[in-house]
Amino acid sequence: MLNTKLCYAPQNDWSNDDYYSLHRYLHRLVLHADRKKDEIEQLDIQKMSEKTRVLLYCIISYYHLEELFELSNLQKLVECKPLPEPLVLSSYGLKEENVYYRMNVRL
């Protein structure tokens, strides 16, 4: 079995819990950008699914870490469009209007 990072894994038949795990992985990566800068600079968004790119965009935007969009490998994230279908990550519910809602992701 190949050791594929979660952000590049095929998402066939993923459940909401799987997407929630992906969100948590990306969330920790972004929130620890000061310590994880090398790993962030290695991310290849071209290998990511549309959903993964949108999740990454949402996390960066939600925490106002837009300076990460200046990294050459992440610059194209600013071109993300809302997902055509809602991506529901959990039933806990983050209800206020925010970048996740604008990008059709439901927490």
C-alpha atoms as a PDB file:
ATOM      1  CA  MET A   1       0.000   0.000   0.000  1.00  0.00           C
ATOM      2  CA  LEU A   2       1.304   3.414  -0.905  1.00  0.00           C
ATOM      3  CA  ASN A   3       1.864   5.891   1.886  1.00  0.00           C
ATOM      4  CA  THR A   4      -0.134   8.808   0.455  1.00  0.00           C
ATOM      5  CA  LYS A   5      -0.626  11.974   2.469  1.00  0.00           C
ATOM      6  CA  LEU A   6      -4.232  12.517   3.408  1.00  0.00           C
ATOM      7  CA  CYS A   7      -4.444  15.690   1.328  1.00  0.00           C
ATOM      8  CA  TYR A   8      -3.610  13.718  -1.858  1.00  0.00           C
ATOM      9  CA  ALA A   9      -5.619  10.574  -1.097  1.00  0.00           C
ATOM     10  CA  PRO A  10      -8.327   9.493  -3.527  1.00  0.00           C
ATOM     11  CA  GLN A  11     -11.685  10.510  -2.085  1.00  0.00           C
ATOM     12  CA  ASN A  12     -13.851   7.802  -3.623  1.00  0.00           C
ATOM     13  CA  ASP A  13     -16.575   6.781  -1.180  1.00  0.00           C
ATOM     14  CA  TRP A  14     -15.408   9.139   1.558  1.00  0.00           C
ATOM     15  CA  SER A  15     -17.793   9.756   4.450  1.00  0.00           C
ATOM     16  CA  ASN A  16     -18.343  13.060   6.234  1.00  0.00           C
ATOM     17  CA  ASP A  17     -16.013  11.776   8.957  1.00  0.00           C
ATOM     18  CA  ASP A  18     -13.250  11.233   6.390  1.00  0.00           C
ATOM     19  CA  TYR A  19     -13.591  14.814   5.170  1.00  0.00           C
ATOM     20  CA  TYR A  20     -13.657  15.999   8.762  1.00  0.00           C
ATOM     21  CA  SER A  21     -10.344  14.173   9.360  1.00  0.00           C
ATOM     22  CA  LEU A  22      -8.889  15.846   6.279  1.00  0.00           C
ATOM     23  CA  HIS A  23     -10.097  19.201   7.573  1.00  0.00           C
ATOM     24  CA  ARG A  24      -8.452  18.584  10.963  1.00  0.00           C
ATOM     25  CA  TYR A  25      -5.174  17.589   9.282  1.00  0.00           C
ATOM     26  CA  LEU A  26      -5.113  20.742   7.142  1.00  0.00           C
ATOM     27  CA  HIS A  27      -6.288  22.839  10.092  1.00  0.00           C
ATOM     28  CA  ARG A  28      -3.360  21.728  12.261  1.00  0.00           C
ATOM     29  CA  LEU A  29      -0.939  22.264   9.401  1.00  0.00           C
ATOM     30  CA  VAL A  30      -2.101  25.838   8.782  1.00  0.00           C
ATOM     31  CA  LEU A  31      -2.384  26.813  12.437  1.00  0.00           C
ATOM     32  CA  HIS A  32       1.182  25.670  13.015  1.00  0.00           C
ATOM     33  CA  ALA A  33       2.482  27.362   9.871  1.00  0.00           C
ATOM     34  CA  ASP A  34       5.341  28.892  11.831  1.00  0.00           C
ATOM     35  CA  ARG A  35       6.661  25.390  12.618  1.00  0.00           C
ATOM     36  CA  LYS A  36       5.338  23.615   9.526  1.00  0.00           C
ATOM     37  CA  LYS A  37       6.438  26.108   6.885  1.00  0.00           C
ATOM     38  CA  ASP A  38       8.651  23.574   5.081  1.00  0.00           C
ATOM     39  CA  GLU A  39       5.772  21.108   4.835  1.00  0.00           C
ATOM     40  CA  ILE A  40       3.388  23.828   3.642  1.00  0.00           C
ATOM     41  CA  GLU A  41       5.854  24.949   0.982  1.00  0.00           C
ATOM     42  CA  GLN A  42       5.952  21.347  -0.292  1.00  0.00           C
ATOM     43  CA  LEU A  43       2.188  21.112  -0.799  1.00  0.00           C
ATOM     44  CA  ASP A  44       1.206  20.512  -4.415  1.00  0.00           C
ATOM     45  CA  ILE A  45      -2.297  21.861  -4.846  1.00  0.00           C
ATOM     46  CA  GLN A  46      -2.412  20.485  -8.396  1.00  0.00           C
ATOM     47  CA  LYS A  47      -2.444  16.971  -6.890  1.00  0.00           C
ATOM     48  CA  MET A  48      -5.307  17.842  -4.542  1.00  0.00           C
ATOM     49  CA  SER A  49      -8.973  17.376  -5.233  1.00  0.00           C
ATOM     50  CA  GLU A  50     -11.214  20.406  -5.590  1.00  0.00           C
ATOM     51  CA  LYS A  51     -12.666  19.688  -2.143  1.00  0.00           C
ATOM     52  CA  THR A  52      -9.228  19.570  -0.545  1.00  0.00           C
ATOM     53  CA  ARG A  53      -8.218  22.853  -2.187  1.00  0.00           C
ATOM     54  CA  VAL A  54     -11.439  24.505  -1.003  1.00  0.00           C
ATOM     55  CA  LEU A  55     -10.914  23.229   2.549  1.00  0.00           C
ATOM     56  CA  LEU A  56      -7.378  24.599   2.566  1.00  0.00           C
ATOM     57  CA  TYR A  57      -8.613  27.928   1.185  1.00  0.00           C
ATOM     58  CA  CYS A  58     -11.332  28.100   3.865  1.00  0.00           C
ATOM     59  CA  ILE A  59      -8.928  27.410   6.708  1.00  0.00           C
ATOM     60  CA  ILE A  60      -6.395  29.982   5.561  1.00  0.00           C
ATOM     61  CA  SER A  61      -9.110  32.595   5.008  1.00  0.00           C
ATOM     62  CA  TYR A  62     -11.008  31.858   8.225  1.00  0.00           C
ATOM     63  CA  TYR A  63      -7.907  32.494  10.319  1.00  0.00           C
ATOM     64  CA  HIS A  64      -6.837  35.512   8.249  1.00  0.00           C
ATOM     65  CA  LEU A  65      -3.530  33.921   7.294  1.00  0.00           C
ATOM     66  CA  GLU A  66      -3.681  35.296   3.765  1.00  0.00           C
ATOM     67  CA  GLU A  67       0.099  35.687   3.720  1.00  0.00           C
ATOM     68  CA  LEU A  68       0.153  31.953   2.989  1.00  0.00           C
ATOM     69  CA  PHE A  69      -1.469  32.727  -0.370  1.00  0.00           C
ATOM     70  CA  GLU A  70       1.755  34.531  -1.247  1.00  0.00           C
ATOM     71  CA  LEU A  71       3.694  31.252  -1.243  1.00  0.00           C
ATOM     72  CA  SER A  72       4.297  30.290  -4.855  1.00  0.00           C
ATOM     73  CA  ASN A  73       2.736  26.843  -4.415  1.00  0.00           C
ATOM     74  CA  LEU A  74      -0.456  28.259  -2.830  1.00  0.00           C
ATOM     75  CA  GLN A  75      -1.068  31.320  -4.991  1.00  0.00           C
ATOM     76  CA  LYS A  76      -3.672  29.564  -7.172  1.00  0.00           C
ATOM     77  CA  LEU A  77      -5.828  28.864  -4.103  1.00  0.00           C
ATOM     78  CA  VAL A  78      -7.224  32.390  -4.369  1.00  0.00           C
ATOM     79  CA  GLU A  79      -8.967  31.223  -7.553  1.00  0.00           C
ATOM     80  CA  CYS A  80     -11.056  28.652  -5.647  1.00  0.00           C
ATOM     81  CA  LYS A  81     -14.769  28.751  -6.364  1.00  0.00           C
ATOM     82  CA  PRO A  82     -17.547  27.496  -4.091  1.00  0.00           C
ATOM     83  CA  LEU A  83     -18.193  23.782  -4.357  1.00  0.00           C
ATOM     84  CA  PRO A  84     -21.145  22.884  -6.586  1.00  0.00           C
ATOM     85  CA  GLU A  85     -22.595  20.600  -3.880  1.00  0.00           C
ATOM     86  CA  PRO A  86     -22.414  21.162  -0.115  1.00  0.00           C
ATOM     87  CA  LEU A  87     -19.597  19.375   1.668  1.00  0.00           C
ATOM     88  CA  VAL A  88     -20.867  18.510   5.156  1.00  0.00           C
ATOM     89  CA  LEU A  89     -18.043  17.787   7.585  1.00  0.00           C
ATOM     90  CA  SER A  90     -20.050  17.252  10.746  1.00  0.00           C
ATOM     91  CA  SER A  91     -23.410  17.711  12.351  1.00  0.00           C
ATOM     92  CA  TYR A  92     -22.087  20.038  15.042  1.00  0.00           C
ATOM     93  CA  GLY A  93     -22.906  23.134  13.080  1.00  0.00           C
ATOM     94  CA  LEU A  94     -20.918  26.312  12.690  1.00  0.00           C
ATOM     95  CA  LYS A  95     -23.915  28.432  11.775  1.00  0.00           C
ATOM     96  CA  GLU A  96     -22.650  31.969  11.326  1.00  0.00           C
ATOM     97  CA  GLU A  97     -21.916  33.375   7.888  1.00  0.00           C
ATOM     98  CA  ASN A  98     -18.250  32.804   7.131  1.00  0.00           C
ATOM     99  CA  VAL A  99     -15.854  31.690   4.412  1.00  0.00           C
ATOM    100  CA  TYR A 100     -16.902  28.047   4.832  1.00  0.00           C
ATOM    101  CA  TYR A 101     -20.538  28.886   4.019  1.00  0.00           C
ATOM    102  CA  ARG A 102     -19.494  31.016   1.050  1.00  0.00           C
ATOM    103  CA  MET A 103     -17.476  28.067  -0.306  1.00  0.00           C
ATOM    104  CA  ASN A 104     -20.362  25.603   0.320  1.00  0.00           C
ATOM    105  CA  VAL A 105     -18.664  23.720   3.167  1.00  0.00           C
ATOM    106  CA  ARG A 106     -20.710  22.924   6.263  1.00  0.00           C
ATOM    107  CA  LEU A 107     -19.098  22.319   9.623  1.00  0.00           C
END
